[in-house]
N, C-alpha and C. Protein backbone atom coordinates (compact mmCIF):
# COMPACT_ATOMS: atom_id res chain seq x y z
N MET A 1 0.85 -1.18 0.00
CA MET A 1 0.00 0.00 0.00
C MET A 1 0.89 1.24 0.00
N LEU A 2 0.40 2.28 -0.56
CA LEU A 2 1.13 3.54 -0.64
C LEU A 2 1.56 4.03 0.75
N LEU A 3 0.72 3.85 1.73
CA LEU A 3 1.07 4.34 3.07
C LEU A 3 2.34 3.69 3.60
N GLU A 4 2.47 2.39 3.41
CA GLU A 4 3.67 1.70 3.88
C GLU A 4 4.91 2.19 3.15
N ALA A 5 4.79 2.45 1.85
CA ALA A 5 5.92 2.97 1.09
C ALA A 5 6.31 4.36 1.59
N LEU A 6 5.33 5.20 1.86
CA LEU A 6 5.63 6.53 2.39
C LEU A 6 6.33 6.45 3.73
N LYS A 7 5.89 5.55 4.57
CA LYS A 7 6.50 5.39 5.89
C LYS A 7 7.94 4.90 5.75
N ALA A 8 8.16 3.94 4.87
CA ALA A 8 9.48 3.33 4.73
C ALA A 8 10.47 4.22 3.99
N GLU A 9 9.99 5.01 3.05
CA GLU A 9 10.90 5.72 2.15
C GLU A 9 10.97 7.23 2.36
N THR A 10 10.24 7.75 3.34
CA THR A 10 10.28 9.19 3.61
C THR A 10 10.46 9.43 5.10
N ARG A 11 10.58 10.69 5.44
CA ARG A 11 10.72 11.06 6.85
C ARG A 11 9.53 11.90 7.30
N ILE A 12 8.38 11.72 6.65
CA ILE A 12 7.21 12.52 7.04
C ILE A 12 6.76 12.14 8.45
N ASP A 13 6.17 13.13 9.14
CA ASP A 13 5.74 12.94 10.53
C ASP A 13 4.28 12.54 10.66
N GLY A 14 3.51 12.70 9.58
CA GLY A 14 2.09 12.40 9.66
C GLY A 14 1.46 12.51 8.29
N MET A 15 0.14 12.43 8.29
CA MET A 15 -0.60 12.40 7.04
C MET A 15 -1.78 13.37 7.11
N PHE A 16 -2.06 14.00 5.98
CA PHE A 16 -3.26 14.81 5.79
C PHE A 16 -4.20 13.98 4.93
N TYR A 17 -5.39 13.67 5.45
CA TYR A 17 -6.35 12.84 4.72
C TYR A 17 -7.65 13.60 4.60
N SER A 18 -8.17 13.68 3.41
CA SER A 18 -9.40 14.43 3.14
C SER A 18 -10.52 13.48 2.76
N VAL A 19 -11.66 13.64 3.41
CA VAL A 19 -12.85 12.84 3.10
C VAL A 19 -14.01 13.77 2.79
N GLN A 20 -15.05 13.20 2.23
CA GLN A 20 -16.23 13.99 1.90
C GLN A 20 -17.46 13.16 2.21
N SER A 21 -18.39 13.75 2.93
CA SER A 21 -19.63 13.03 3.21
C SER A 21 -20.49 13.00 1.95
N ALA A 22 -21.49 12.17 1.96
CA ALA A 22 -22.39 12.05 0.80
C ALA A 22 -23.12 13.37 0.59
N GLN A 23 -22.98 13.91 -0.61
CA GLN A 23 -23.57 15.22 -0.88
C GLN A 23 -24.37 15.25 -2.18
N ARG A 24 -24.76 14.10 -2.67
CA ARG A 24 -25.55 14.01 -3.88
C ARG A 24 -26.67 13.00 -3.66
N ALA A 25 -27.76 13.17 -4.37
CA ALA A 25 -28.88 12.24 -4.25
C ALA A 25 -28.46 10.82 -4.62
N GLU A 26 -27.54 10.69 -5.59
CA GLU A 26 -27.08 9.38 -6.04
C GLU A 26 -26.22 8.67 -4.99
N CYS A 27 -25.76 9.41 -4.03
CA CYS A 27 -24.90 8.84 -2.98
C CYS A 27 -25.55 9.15 -1.63
N ASP A 28 -26.57 8.38 -1.32
CA ASP A 28 -27.27 8.58 -0.06
C ASP A 28 -26.53 7.90 1.09
N ARG A 29 -27.10 7.96 2.25
CA ARG A 29 -26.46 7.41 3.45
C ARG A 29 -26.16 5.91 3.29
N SER A 30 -27.09 5.19 2.71
CA SER A 30 -26.90 3.75 2.52
C SER A 30 -25.70 3.46 1.62
N HIS A 31 -25.62 4.18 0.51
CA HIS A 31 -24.48 4.02 -0.41
C HIS A 31 -23.17 4.38 0.29
N HIS A 32 -23.19 5.48 1.00
CA HIS A 32 -22.01 5.93 1.73
C HIS A 32 -21.55 4.86 2.72
N ASP A 33 -22.48 4.33 3.50
CA ASP A 33 -22.12 3.35 4.52
C ASP A 33 -21.60 2.04 3.91
N GLU A 34 -22.11 1.68 2.74
CA GLU A 34 -21.68 0.43 2.12
C GLU A 34 -20.36 0.55 1.36
N TRP A 35 -20.15 1.68 0.65
CA TRP A 35 -19.01 1.78 -0.28
C TRP A 35 -17.91 2.74 0.16
N ILE A 36 -18.25 3.83 0.77
CA ILE A 36 -17.25 4.86 1.06
C ILE A 36 -16.68 4.72 2.47
N LYS A 37 -17.55 4.62 3.44
CA LYS A 37 -17.12 4.57 4.83
C LYS A 37 -16.12 3.45 5.13
N PRO A 38 -16.36 2.21 4.67
CA PRO A 38 -15.40 1.14 5.00
C PRO A 38 -13.97 1.43 4.52
N SER A 39 -13.83 1.98 3.32
CA SER A 39 -12.47 2.25 2.83
C SER A 39 -11.86 3.43 3.58
N ASP A 40 -12.66 4.45 3.88
CA ASP A 40 -12.12 5.57 4.66
C ASP A 40 -11.66 5.11 6.03
N ILE A 41 -12.46 4.30 6.69
CA ILE A 41 -12.09 3.80 8.03
C ILE A 41 -10.83 2.96 7.95
N ARG A 42 -10.72 2.10 6.94
CA ARG A 42 -9.53 1.26 6.78
C ARG A 42 -8.28 2.11 6.59
N VAL A 43 -8.36 3.13 5.74
CA VAL A 43 -7.21 4.01 5.50
C VAL A 43 -6.89 4.82 6.75
N LEU A 44 -7.90 5.39 7.40
CA LEU A 44 -7.66 6.18 8.60
C LEU A 44 -7.03 5.35 9.71
N ASN A 45 -7.50 4.15 9.90
CA ASN A 45 -6.91 3.29 10.93
C ASN A 45 -5.45 3.00 10.62
N ARG A 46 -5.13 2.73 9.37
CA ARG A 46 -3.74 2.44 9.00
C ARG A 46 -2.86 3.67 9.17
N ILE A 47 -3.37 4.83 8.78
CA ILE A 47 -2.63 6.08 8.98
C ILE A 47 -2.30 6.26 10.46
N ASN A 48 -3.29 6.05 11.32
CA ASN A 48 -3.07 6.22 12.76
C ASN A 48 -2.12 5.19 13.34
N GLU A 49 -2.03 4.02 12.72
CA GLU A 49 -1.05 3.03 13.16
C GLU A 49 0.37 3.45 12.78
N LEU A 50 0.53 4.13 11.67
CA LEU A 50 1.86 4.45 11.15
C LEU A 50 2.44 5.77 11.66
N TRP A 51 1.58 6.76 11.95
CA TRP A 51 2.07 8.08 12.34
C TRP A 51 1.31 8.63 13.54
N PRO A 52 2.00 9.40 14.37
CA PRO A 52 1.34 9.99 15.53
C PRO A 52 0.68 11.34 15.24
N HIS A 53 1.03 11.99 14.14
CA HIS A 53 0.54 13.34 13.86
C HIS A 53 -0.22 13.34 12.54
N ASN A 54 -1.55 13.37 12.63
CA ASN A 54 -2.37 13.28 11.43
C ASN A 54 -3.48 14.32 11.46
N ILE A 55 -3.92 14.71 10.27
CA ILE A 55 -5.00 15.69 10.14
C ILE A 55 -6.07 15.08 9.25
N LEU A 56 -7.32 15.18 9.71
CA LEU A 56 -8.47 14.75 8.91
C LEU A 56 -9.21 16.00 8.46
N HIS A 57 -9.41 16.12 7.16
CA HIS A 57 -10.17 17.23 6.60
C HIS A 57 -11.47 16.67 6.05
N VAL A 58 -12.61 17.16 6.54
CA VAL A 58 -13.91 16.74 6.04
C VAL A 58 -14.38 17.82 5.08
N CYS A 59 -14.39 17.47 3.80
CA CYS A 59 -14.61 18.44 2.74
C CYS A 59 -16.09 18.65 2.47
N GLY A 60 -16.44 19.87 2.15
CA GLY A 60 -17.78 20.24 1.70
C GLY A 60 -17.65 21.32 0.65
N TYR A 61 -18.67 21.53 -0.12
CA TYR A 61 -18.61 22.55 -1.15
C TYR A 61 -20.01 23.08 -1.47
N GLU A 62 -20.03 24.20 -2.15
CA GLU A 62 -21.25 24.89 -2.56
C GLU A 62 -22.19 25.04 -1.38
N HIS A 63 -23.43 24.65 -1.52
CA HIS A 63 -24.44 24.82 -0.47
C HIS A 63 -24.55 23.62 0.45
N TYR A 64 -23.74 22.60 0.21
CA TYR A 64 -23.80 21.39 1.03
C TYR A 64 -23.13 21.60 2.39
N GLN A 65 -23.68 20.96 3.38
CA GLN A 65 -23.06 21.00 4.70
C GLN A 65 -22.66 19.59 5.08
N ASN A 66 -21.58 19.48 5.81
CA ASN A 66 -21.10 18.17 6.23
C ASN A 66 -22.00 17.58 7.29
N ASP A 67 -22.30 16.32 7.15
CA ASP A 67 -23.07 15.58 8.14
C ASP A 67 -22.08 14.71 8.89
N LEU A 68 -21.61 15.16 10.03
CA LEU A 68 -20.57 14.45 10.75
C LEU A 68 -21.07 13.15 11.39
N GLU A 69 -22.37 12.89 11.31
CA GLU A 69 -22.91 11.61 11.76
C GLU A 69 -22.46 10.50 10.85
N TYR A 70 -22.12 10.80 9.61
CA TYR A 70 -21.67 9.78 8.67
C TYR A 70 -20.39 9.21 9.18
């Protein structure tokens, strides 16, 4: 995985990871929970295992607001 290569081959202290909650009708809560959330959680957990200093950015745009319950 890219994360392991970054850890092994660089001297970075942490990771900046950006996610986005479901903000379209085609990507409702059910879709988000089945397809997006599991991969985000897997990546975030691995990032936290590899580095002590990490930043999570929850992205939103236009008139959409982030639903942090996701």
